[in-house]
Amino acid sequence: GETHSLDSVAEAAGLTRRTFTRRFQKSIGASFGDWLTS
């Protein structure tokens, strides 16, 4: 129910935006925005 941005979640994961995006795509198989909506 709260606001979650790609940058804030990447920071919580201890990763740069680029590294988080690459790992997320490899692990989940979707973009962060698409996963969040799901």
PDB file of all heavy atoms in Angstrom:
ATOM      1  N   GLY A   1       0.796  -1.214   0.000  1.00  0.00           N
ATOM      2  CA  GLY A   1       0.000   0.000   0.000  1.00  0.00           C
ATOM      3  C   GLY A   1       0.834   1.272   0.000  1.00  0.00           C
ATOM      4  O   GLY A   1       0.303   2.364  -0.215  1.00  0.00           O
ATOM      5  N   GLU A   2       2.136   1.135   0.233  1.00  0.00           N
ATOM      6  CA  GLU A   2       3.025   2.284   0.252  1.00  0.00           C
ATOM      7  C   GLU A   2       3.659   2.504  -1.120  1.00  0.00           C
ATOM      8  O   GLU A   2       3.579   1.657  -2.012  1.00  0.00           O
ATOM      9  CB  GLU A   2       4.111   2.080   1.318  1.00  0.00           C
ATOM     10  CG  GLU A   2       3.545   1.897   2.727  1.00  0.00           C
ATOM     11  CD  GLU A   2       4.637   1.649   3.759  1.00  0.00           C
ATOM     12  OE1 GLU A   2       5.843   1.769   3.400  1.00  0.00           O
ATOM     13  OE2 GLU A   2       4.299   1.325   4.911  1.00  0.00           O
ATOM     14  N   THR A   3       4.324   3.639  -1.255  1.00  0.00           N
ATOM     15  CA  THR A   3       5.002   3.966  -2.510  1.00  0.00           C
ATOM     16  C   THR A   3       6.370   3.273  -2.546  1.00  0.00           C
ATOM     17  O   THR A   3       7.123   3.333  -1.573  1.00  0.00           O
ATOM     18  CB  THR A   3       5.205   5.487  -2.645  1.00  0.00           C
ATOM     19  OG1 THR A   3       3.924   6.117  -2.631  1.00  0.00           O
ATOM     20  CG2 THR A   3       5.935   5.820  -3.940  1.00  0.00           C
ATOM     21  N   HIS A   4       6.660   2.614  -3.663  1.00  0.00           N
ATOM     22  CA  HIS A   4       7.945   1.928  -3.831  1.00  0.00           C
ATOM     23  C   HIS A   4       8.524   2.286  -5.191  1.00  0.00           C
ATOM     24  O   HIS A   4       7.927   1.976  -6.221  1.00  0.00           O
ATOM     25  CB  HIS A   4       7.767   0.409  -3.737  1.00  0.00           C
ATOM     26  CG  HIS A   4       7.283  -0.066  -2.401  1.00  0.00           C
ATOM     27  ND1 HIS A   4       8.091  -0.075  -1.281  1.00  0.00           N
ATOM     28  CD2 HIS A   4       6.063  -0.517  -2.001  1.00  0.00           C
ATOM     29  CE1 HIS A   4       7.402  -0.535  -0.248  1.00  0.00           C
ATOM     30  NE2 HIS A   4       6.167  -0.809  -0.658  1.00  0.00           N
ATOM     31  N   SER A   5       9.670   2.928  -5.175  1.00  0.00           N
ATOM     32  CA  SER A   5      10.338   3.263  -6.429  1.00  0.00           C
ATOM     33  C   SER A   5      11.479   2.289  -6.665  1.00  0.00           C
ATOM     34  O   SER A   5      11.972   1.629  -5.735  1.00  0.00           O
ATOM     35  CB  SER A   5      10.893   4.687  -6.378  1.00  0.00           C
ATOM     36  OG  SER A   5      11.968   4.770  -5.451  1.00  0.00           O
ATOM     37  N   LEU A   6      11.900   2.189  -7.902  1.00  0.00           N
ATOM     38  CA  LEU A   6      13.018   1.324  -8.250  1.00  0.00           C
ATOM     39  C   LEU A   6      14.264   1.723  -7.468  1.00  0.00           C
ATOM     40  O   LEU A   6      14.991   0.865  -6.951  1.00  0.00           O
ATOM     41  CB  LEU A   6      13.272   1.404  -9.764  1.00  0.00           C
ATOM     42  CG  LEU A   6      14.485   0.633 -10.313  1.00  0.00           C
ATOM     43  CD1 LEU A   6      14.378  -0.843  -9.980  1.00  0.00           C
ATOM     44  CD2 LEU A   6      14.577   0.832 -11.826  1.00  0.00           C
ATOM     45  N   ASP A   7      14.517   3.010  -7.352  1.00  0.00           N
ATOM     46  CA  ASP A   7      15.712   3.485  -6.654  1.00  0.00           C
ATOM     47  C   ASP A   7      15.670   3.145  -5.174  1.00  0.00           C
ATOM     48  O   ASP A   7      16.672   2.714  -4.600  1.00  0.00           O
ATOM     49  CB  ASP A   7      15.855   5.001  -6.832  1.00  0.00           C
ATOM     50  CG  ASP A   7      16.271   5.377  -8.251  1.00  0.00           C
ATOM     51  OD1 ASP A   7      16.989   4.580  -8.882  1.00  0.00           O
ATOM     52  OD2 ASP A   7      15.861   6.439  -8.736  1.00  0.00           O
ATOM     53  N   SER A   8      14.516   3.328  -4.526  1.00  0.00           N
ATOM     54  CA  SER A   8      14.426   3.067  -3.085  1.00  0.00           C
ATOM     55  C   SER A   8      14.599   1.585  -2.778  1.00  0.00           C
ATOM     56  O   SER A   8      15.245   1.208  -1.788  1.00  0.00           O
ATOM     57  CB  SER A   8      13.100   3.572  -2.533  1.00  0.00           C
ATOM     58  OG  SER A   8      12.003   2.827  -3.060  1.00  0.00           O
ATOM     59  N   VAL A   9      14.034   0.713  -3.607  1.00  0.00           N
ATOM     60  CA  VAL A   9      14.162  -0.728  -3.372  1.00  0.00           C
ATOM     61  C   VAL A   9      15.588  -1.183  -3.684  1.00  0.00           C
ATOM     62  O   VAL A   9      16.148  -2.037  -2.978  1.00  0.00           O
ATOM     63  CB  VAL A   9      13.126  -1.511  -4.205  1.00  0.00           C
ATOM     64  CG1 VAL A   9      13.262  -3.008  -3.961  1.00  0.00           C
ATOM     65  CG2 VAL A   9      11.715  -1.067  -3.859  1.00  0.00           C
ATOM     66  N   ALA A  10      16.190  -0.634  -4.730  1.00  0.00           N
ATOM     67  CA  ALA A  10      17.585  -0.969  -5.035  1.00  0.00           C
ATOM     68  C   ALA A  10      18.489  -0.577  -3.881  1.00  0.00           C
ATOM     69  O   ALA A  10      19.410  -1.321  -3.504  1.00  0.00           O
ATOM     70  CB  ALA A  10      18.018  -0.269  -6.317  1.00  0.00           C
ATOM     71  N   GLU A  11      18.228   0.586  -3.289  1.00  0.00           N
ATOM     72  CA  GLU A  11      19.026   1.036  -2.141  1.00  0.00           C
ATOM     73  C   GLU A  11      18.848   0.095  -0.963  1.00  0.00           C
ATOM     74  O   GLU A  11      19.820  -0.256  -0.280  1.00  0.00           O
ATOM     75  CB  GLU A  11      18.614   2.454  -1.755  1.00  0.00           C
ATOM     76  CG  GLU A  11      19.428   3.030  -0.595  1.00  0.00           C
ATOM     77  CD  GLU A  11      19.004   4.445  -0.242  1.00  0.00           C
ATOM     78  OE1 GLU A  11      18.143   4.996  -0.932  1.00  0.00           O
ATOM     79  OE2 GLU A  11      19.549   4.987   0.742  1.00  0.00           O
ATOM     80  N   ALA A  12      17.591  -0.347  -0.726  1.00  0.00           N
ATOM     81  CA  ALA A  12      17.337  -1.282   0.376  1.00  0.00           C
ATOM     82  C   ALA A  12      18.047  -2.614   0.143  1.00  0.00           C
ATOM     83  O   ALA A  12      18.445  -3.292   1.090  1.00  0.00           O
ATOM     84  CB  ALA A  12      15.838  -1.501   0.531  1.00  0.00           C
ATOM     85  N   ALA A  13      18.218  -2.984  -1.118  1.00  0.00           N
ATOM     86  CA  ALA A  13      18.907  -4.235  -1.459  1.00  0.00           C
ATOM     87  C   ALA A  13      20.421  -4.082  -1.451  1.00  0.00           C
ATOM     88  O   ALA A  13      21.145  -5.072  -1.623  1.00  0.00           O
ATOM     89  CB  ALA A  13      18.447  -4.708  -2.833  1.00  0.00           C
ATOM     90  N   GLY A  14      20.891  -2.839  -1.265  1.00  0.00           N
ATOM     91  CA  GLY A  14      22.332  -2.601  -1.241  1.00  0.00           C
ATOM     92  C   GLY A  14      22.973  -2.687  -2.613  1.00  0.00           C
ATOM     93  O   GLY A  14      24.152  -3.036  -2.737  1.00  0.00           O
ATOM     94  N   LEU A  15      22.191  -2.361  -3.663  1.00  0.00           N
ATOM     95  CA  LEU A  15      22.682  -2.470  -5.025  1.00  0.00           C
ATOM     96  C   LEU A  15      22.469  -1.156  -5.766  1.00  0.00           C
ATOM     97  O   LEU A  15      21.596  -0.366  -5.408  1.00  0.00           O
ATOM     98  CB  LEU A  15      21.950  -3.594  -5.773  1.00  0.00           C
ATOM     99  CG  LEU A  15      22.046  -5.007  -5.180  1.00  0.00           C
ATOM    100  CD1 LEU A  15      21.080  -5.935  -5.893  1.00  0.00           C
ATOM    101  CD2 LEU A  15      23.473  -5.528  -5.283  1.00  0.00           C
ATOM    102  N   THR A  16      23.269  -0.938  -6.783  1.00  0.00           N
ATOM    103  CA  THR A  16      23.018   0.200  -7.650  1.00  0.00           C
ATOM    104  C   THR A  16      21.764  -0.078  -8.464  1.00  0.00           C
ATOM    105  O   THR A  16      21.341  -1.227  -8.603  1.00  0.00           O
ATOM    106  CB  THR A  16      24.189   0.454  -8.602  1.00  0.00           C
ATOM    107  OG1 THR A  16      24.299  -0.664  -9.506  1.00  0.00           O
ATOM    108  CG2 THR A  16      25.504   0.622  -7.836  1.00  0.00           C
ATOM    109  N   ARG A  17      21.179   0.961  -9.001  1.00  0.00           N
ATOM    110  CA  ARG A  17      19.966   0.809  -9.819  1.00  0.00           C
ATOM    111  C   ARG A  17      20.221  -0.164 -10.962  1.00  0.00           C
ATOM    112  O   ARG A  17      19.401  -1.044 -11.250  1.00  0.00           O
ATOM    113  CB  ARG A  17      19.543   2.186 -10.362  1.00  0.00           C
ATOM    114  CG  ARG A  17      18.319   2.161 -11.273  1.00  0.00           C
ATOM    115  CD  ARG A  17      18.119   3.508 -11.937  1.00  0.00           C
ATOM    116  NE  ARG A  17      16.983   3.505 -12.841  1.00  0.00           N
ATOM    117  CZ  ARG A  17      15.800   4.013 -12.569  1.00  0.00           C
ATOM    118  NH1 ARG A  17      15.582   4.590 -11.386  1.00  0.00           N
ATOM    119  NH2 ARG A  17      14.825   3.983 -13.453  1.00  0.00           N
ATOM    120  N   ARG A  18      21.355  -0.022 -11.638  1.00  0.00           N
ATOM    121  CA  ARG A  18      21.663  -0.863 -12.793  1.00  0.00           C
ATOM    122  C   ARG A  18      21.851  -2.321 -12.397  1.00  0.00           C
ATOM    123  O   ARG A  18      21.308  -3.226 -13.037  1.00  0.00           O
ATOM    124  CB  ARG A  18      22.921  -0.329 -13.483  1.00  0.00           C
ATOM    125  CG  ARG A  18      23.300  -1.098 -14.733  1.00  0.00           C
ATOM    126  CD  ARG A  18      24.490  -0.462 -15.412  1.00  0.00           C
ATOM    127  NE  ARG A  18      24.878  -1.170 -16.621  1.00  0.00           N
ATOM    128  CZ  ARG A  18      25.890  -0.814 -17.405  1.00  0.00           C
ATOM    129  NH1 ARG A  18      26.628   0.255 -17.092  1.00  0.00           N
ATOM    130  NH2 ARG A  18      26.174  -1.512 -18.485  1.00  0.00           N
ATOM    131  N   THR A  19      22.608  -2.552 -11.291  1.00  0.00           N
ATOM    132  CA  THR A  19      22.846  -3.932 -10.846  1.00  0.00           C
ATOM    133  C   THR A  19      21.555  -4.575 -10.360  1.00  0.00           C
ATOM    134  O   THR A  19      21.279  -5.740 -10.643  1.00  0.00           O
ATOM    135  CB  THR A  19      23.892  -3.948  -9.720  1.00  0.00           C
ATOM    136  OG1 THR A  19      25.107  -3.358 -10.192  1.00  0.00           O
ATOM    137  CG2 THR A  19      24.181  -5.374  -9.262  1.00  0.00           C
ATOM    138  N   PHE A  20      20.742  -3.809  -9.628  1.00  0.00           N
ATOM    139  CA  PHE A  20      19.460  -4.323  -9.146  1.00  0.00           C
ATOM    140  C   PHE A  20      18.558  -4.710 -10.317  1.00  0.00           C
ATOM    141  O   PHE A  20      17.951  -5.786 -10.319  1.00  0.00           O
ATOM    142  CB  PHE A  20      18.772  -3.259  -8.285  1.00  0.00           C
ATOM    143  CG  PHE A  20      17.410  -3.686  -7.800  1.00  0.00           C
ATOM    144  CD1 PHE A  20      17.271  -4.431  -6.644  1.00  0.00           C
ATOM    145  CD2 PHE A  20      16.267  -3.338  -8.516  1.00  0.00           C
ATOM    146  CE1 PHE A  20      16.007  -4.825  -6.203  1.00  0.00           C
ATOM    147  CE2 PHE A  20      15.006  -3.734  -8.084  1.00  0.00           C
ATOM    148  CZ  PHE A  20      14.881  -4.485  -6.921  1.00  0.00           C
ATOM    149  N   THR A  21      18.502  -3.837 -11.321  1.00  0.00           N
ATOM    150  CA  THR A  21      17.641  -4.109 -12.482  1.00  0.00           C
ATOM    151  C   THR A  21      18.084  -5.378 -13.191  1.00  0.00           C
ATOM    152  O   THR A  21      17.249  -6.217 -13.582  1.00  0.00           O
ATOM    153  CB  THR A  21      17.678  -2.923 -13.456  1.00  0.00           C
ATOM    154  OG1 THR A  21      17.200  -1.756 -12.791  1.00  0.00           O
ATOM    155  CG2 THR A  21      16.816  -3.200 -14.677  1.00  0.00           C
ATOM    156  N   ARG A  22      19.400  -5.542 -13.357  1.00  0.00           N
ATOM    157  CA  ARG A  22      19.914  -6.723 -14.046  1.00  0.00           C
ATOM    158  C   ARG A  22      19.610  -7.990 -13.240  1.00  0.00           C
ATOM    159  O   ARG A  22      19.179  -9.003 -13.792  1.00  0.00           O
ATOM    160  CB  ARG A  22      21.417  -6.567 -14.278  1.00  0.00           C
ATOM    161  CG  ARG A  22      22.039  -7.712 -15.092  1.00  0.00           C
ATOM    162  CD  ARG A  22      23.432  -7.376 -15.568  1.00  0.00           C
ATOM    163  NE  ARG A  22      24.331  -7.072 -14.454  1.00  0.00           N
ATOM    164  CZ  ARG A  22      24.840  -5.863 -14.215  1.00  0.00           C
ATOM    165  NH1 ARG A  22      24.519  -4.837 -15.000  1.00  0.00           N
ATOM    166  NH2 ARG A  22      25.656  -5.662 -13.204  1.00  0.00           N
ATOM    167  N   ARG A  23      19.848  -7.934 -11.921  1.00  0.00           N
ATOM    168  CA  ARG A  23      19.591  -9.115 -11.089  1.00  0.00           C
ATOM    169  C   ARG A  23      18.104  -9.421 -11.023  1.00  0.00           C
ATOM    170  O   ARG A  23      17.694 -10.584 -11.036  1.00  0.00           O
ATOM    171  CB  ARG A  23      20.150  -8.906  -9.686  1.00  0.00           C
ATOM    172  CG  ARG A  23      19.871 -10.102  -8.778  1.00  0.00           C
ATOM    173  CD  ARG A  23      20.599 -10.038  -7.473  1.00  0.00           C
ATOM    174  NE  ARG A  23      20.217 -11.152  -6.622  1.00  0.00           N
ATOM    175  CZ  ARG A  23      20.656 -11.345  -5.382  1.00  0.00           C
ATOM    176  NH1 ARG A  23      21.532 -10.500  -4.861  1.00  0.00           N
ATOM    177  NH2 ARG A  23      20.241 -12.374  -4.672  1.00  0.00           N
ATOM    178  N   PHE A  24      17.282  -8.373 -10.946  1.00  0.00           N
ATOM    179  CA  PHE A  24      15.827  -8.579 -10.871  1.00  0.00           C
ATOM    180  C   PHE A  24      15.318  -9.269 -12.127  1.00  0.00           C
ATOM    181  O   PHE A  24      14.553 -10.225 -12.061  1.00  0.00           O
ATOM    182  CB  PHE A  24      15.123  -7.232 -10.676  1.00  0.00           C
ATOM    183  CG  PHE A  24      13.694  -7.371 -10.240  1.00  0.00           C
ATOM    184  CD1 PHE A  24      13.369  -7.318  -8.900  1.00  0.00           C
ATOM    185  CD2 PHE A  24      12.680  -7.576 -11.163  1.00  0.00           C
ATOM    186  CE1 PHE A  24      12.048  -7.464  -8.488  1.00  0.00           C
ATOM    187  CE2 PHE A  24      11.365  -7.719 -10.765  1.00  0.00           C
ATOM    188  CZ  PHE A  24      11.051  -7.665  -9.419  1.00  0.00           C
ATOM    189  N   GLN A  25      15.769  -8.809 -13.266  1.00  0.00           N
ATOM    190  CA  GLN A  25      15.339  -9.403 -14.525  1.00  0.00           C
ATOM    191  C   GLN A  25      15.772 -10.863 -14.621  1.00  0.00           C
ATOM    192  O   GLN A  25      15.009 -11.728 -15.068  1.00  0.00           O
ATOM    193  CB  GLN A  25      15.914  -8.604 -15.702  1.00  0.00           C
ATOM    194  CG  GLN A  25      15.497  -9.119 -17.071  1.00  0.00           C
ATOM    195  CD  GLN A  25      14.015  -8.943 -17.334  1.00  0.00           C
ATOM    196  OE1 GLN A  25      13.460  -7.888 -17.049  1.00  0.00           O
ATOM    197  NE2 GLN A  25      13.370  -9.953 -17.891  1.00  0.00           N
ATOM    198  N   LYS A  26      16.984 -11.143 -14.160  1.00  0.00           N
ATOM    199  CA  LYS A  26      17.495 -12.512 -14.219  1.00  0.00           C
ATOM    200  C   LYS A  26      16.764 -13.423 -13.234  1.00  0.00           C
ATOM    201  O   LYS A  26      16.465 -14.582 -13.543  1.00  0.00           O
ATOM    202  CB  LYS A  26      18.993 -12.522 -13.914  1.00  0.00           C
ATOM    203  CG  LYS A  26      19.637 -13.904 -14.007  1.00  0.00           C
ATOM    204  CD  LYS A  26      21.132 -13.844 -13.744  1.00  0.00           C
ATOM    205  CE  LYS A  26      21.775 -15.227 -13.838  1.00  0.00           C
ATOM    206  NZ  LYS A  26      23.245 -15.165 -13.591  1.00  0.00           N
ATOM    207  N   SER A  27      16.457 -12.909 -12.038  1.00  0.00           N
ATOM    208  CA  SER A  27      15.829 -13.728 -11.000  1.00  0.00           C
ATOM    209  C   SER A  27      14.326 -13.887 -11.192  1.00  0.00           C
ATOM    210  O   SER A  27      13.775 -14.974 -10.999  1.00  0.00           O
ATOM    211  CB  SER A  27      16.080 -13.103  -9.616  1.00  0.00           C
ATOM    212  OG  SER A  27      17.460 -12.989  -9.352  1.00  0.00           O
ATOM    213  N   ILE A  28      13.665 -12.807 -11.566  1.00  0.00           N
ATOM    214  CA  ILE A  28      12.204 -12.803 -11.629  1.00  0.00           C
ATOM    215  C   ILE A  28      11.680 -12.979 -13.043  1.00  0.00           C
ATOM    216  O   ILE A  28      10.599 -13.506 -13.259  1.00  0.00           O
ATOM    217  CB  ILE A  28      11.644 -11.494 -11.019  1.00  0.00           C
ATOM    218  CG1 ILE A  28      12.273 -11.226  -9.645  1.00  0.00           C
ATOM    219  CG2 ILE A  28      10.132 -11.546 -10.907  1.00  0.00           C
ATOM    220  CD1 ILE A  28      12.051 -12.313  -8.641  1.00  0.00           C
ATOM    221  N   GLY A  29      12.448 -12.502 -14.027  1.00  0.00           N
ATOM    222  CA  GLY A  29      12.016 -12.625 -15.416  1.00  0.00           C
ATOM    223  C   GLY A  29      11.053 -11.549 -15.843  1.00  0.00           C
ATOM    224  O   GLY A  29      10.292 -11.726 -16.798  1.00  0.00           O
ATOM    225  N   ALA A  30      11.051 -10.433 -15.124  1.00  0.00           N
ATOM    226  CA  ALA A  30      10.174  -9.317 -15.464  1.00  0.00           C
ATOM    227  C   ALA A  30      10.813  -8.031 -14.964  1.00  0.00           C
ATOM    228  O   ALA A  30      11.796  -8.063 -14.225  1.00  0.00           O
ATOM    229  CB  ALA A  30       8.799  -9.505 -14.821  1.00  0.00           C
ATOM    230  N   SER A  31      10.269  -6.896 -15.359  1.00  0.00           N
ATOM    231  CA  SER A  31      10.756  -5.630 -14.837  1.00  0.00           C
ATOM    232  C   SER A  31      10.214  -5.424 -13.431  1.00  0.00           C
ATOM    233  O   SER A  31       9.203  -6.035 -13.038  1.00  0.00           O
ATOM    234  CB  SER A  31      10.305  -4.474 -15.734  1.00  0.00           C
ATOM    235  OG  SER A  31       8.903  -4.292 -15.630  1.00  0.00           O
ATOM    236  N   PHE A  32      10.873  -4.550 -12.662  1.00  0.00           N
ATOM    237  CA  PHE A  32      10.410  -4.292 -11.304  1.00  0.00           C
ATOM    238  C   PHE A  32       8.995  -3.722 -11.319  1.00  0.00           C
ATOM    239  O   PHE A  32       8.143  -4.117 -10.522  1.00  0.00           O
ATOM    240  CB  PHE A  32      11.358  -3.328 -10.589  1.00  0.00           C
ATOM    241  CG  PHE A  32      10.855  -2.891  -9.244  1.00  0.00           C
ATOM    242  CD1 PHE A  32      10.876  -3.767  -8.168  1.00  0.00           C
ATOM    243  CD2 PHE A  32      10.322  -1.622  -9.067  1.00  0.00           C
ATOM    244  CE1 PHE A  32      10.378  -3.373  -6.924  1.00  0.00           C
ATOM    245  CE2 PHE A  32       9.833  -1.226  -7.833  1.00  0.00           C
ATOM    246  CZ  PHE A  32       9.858  -2.099  -6.753  1.00  0.00           C
ATOM    247  N   GLY A  33       8.719  -2.796 -12.223  1.00  0.00           N
ATOM    248  CA  GLY A  33       7.393  -2.189 -12.293  1.00  0.00           C
ATOM    249  C   GLY A  33       6.317  -3.204 -12.604  1.00  0.00           C
ATOM    250  O   GLY A  33       5.220  -3.179 -12.015  1.00  0.00           O
ATOM    251  N   ASP A  34       6.592  -4.129 -13.529  1.00  0.00           N
ATOM    252  CA  ASP A  34       5.614  -5.154 -13.889  1.00  0.00           C
ATOM    253  C   ASP A  34       5.373  -6.090 -12.713  1.00  0.00           C
ATOM    254  O   ASP A  34       4.226  -6.468 -12.420  1.00  0.00           O
ATOM    255  CB  ASP A  34       6.123  -5.936 -15.101  1.00  0.00           C
ATOM    256  CG  ASP A  34       5.062  -6.862 -15.669  1.00  0.00           C
ATOM    257  OD1 ASP A  34       4.004  -6.369 -16.076  1.00  0.00           O
ATOM    258  OD2 ASP A  34       5.299  -8.089 -15.682  1.00  0.00           O
ATOM    259  N   TRP A  35       6.442  -6.473 -12.014  1.00  0.00           N
ATOM    260  CA  TRP A  35       6.316  -7.354 -10.845  1.00  0.00           C
ATOM    261  C   TRP A  35       5.526  -6.674  -9.742  1.00  0.00           C
ATOM    262  O   TRP A  35       4.647  -7.295  -9.118  1.00  0.00           O
ATOM    263  CB  TRP A  35       7.706  -7.736 -10.346  1.00  0.00           C
ATOM    264  CG  TRP A  35       7.688  -8.513  -9.061  1.00  0.00           C
ATOM    265  CD1 TRP A  35       7.478  -9.847  -8.897  1.00  0.00           C
ATOM    266  CD2 TRP A  35       7.912  -7.976  -7.733  1.00  0.00           C
ATOM    267  NE1 TRP A  35       7.546 -10.190  -7.565  1.00  0.00           N
ATOM    268  CE2 TRP A  35       7.817  -9.062  -6.838  1.00  0.00           C
ATOM    269  CE3 TRP A  35       8.184  -6.709  -7.241  1.00  0.00           C
ATOM    270  CZ2 TRP A  35       7.974  -8.904  -5.463  1.00  0.00           C
ATOM    271  CZ3 TRP A  35       8.350  -6.548  -5.873  1.00  0.00           C
ATOM    272  CH2 TRP A  35       8.246  -7.629  -4.993  1.00  0.00           C
ATOM    273  N   LEU A  36       5.806  -5.393  -9.494  1.00  0.00           N
ATOM    274  CA  LEU A  36       5.107  -4.666  -8.446  1.00  0.00           C
ATOM    275  C   LEU A  36       3.609  -4.598  -8.732  1.00  0.00           C
ATOM    276  O   LEU A  36       2.779  -4.815  -7.837  1.00  0.00           O
ATOM    277  CB  LEU A  36       5.690  -3.257  -8.308  1.00  0.00           C
ATOM    278  CG  LEU A  36       5.052  -2.352  -7.245  1.00  0.00           C
ATOM    279  CD1 LEU A  36       5.171  -2.983  -5.862  1.00  0.00           C
ATOM    280  CD2 LEU A  36       5.703  -0.970  -7.271  1.00  0.00           C
ATOM    281  N   THR A  37       3.264  -4.337  -9.972  1.00  0.00           N
ATOM    282  CA  THR A  37       1.844  -4.309 -10.335  1.00  0.00           C
ATOM    283  C   THR A  37       1.204  -5.676 -10.133  1.00  0.00           C
ATOM    284  O   THR A  37       0.081  -5.777  -9.628  1.00  0.00           O
ATOM    285  CB  THR A  37       1.677  -3.868 -11.797  1.00  0.00           C
ATOM    286  OG1 THR A  37       2.210  -2.549 -11.961  1.00  0.00           O
ATOM    287  CG2 THR A  37       0.215  -3.863 -12.206  1.00  0.00           C
ATOM    288  N   SER A  38       1.909  -6.751 -10.508  1.00  0.00           N
ATOM    289  CA  SER A  38       1.381  -8.111 -10.317  1.00  0.00           C
ATOM    290  C   SER A  38       1.150  -8.407  -8.845  1.00  0.00           C
ATOM    291  O   SER A  38       0.133  -9.006  -8.468  1.00  0.00           O
ATOM    292  CB  SER A  38       2.345  -9.141 -10.906  1.00  0.00           C
ATOM    293  OG  SER A  38       2.422  -9.036 -12.301  1.00  0.00           O
TER     294      SER A  38
END
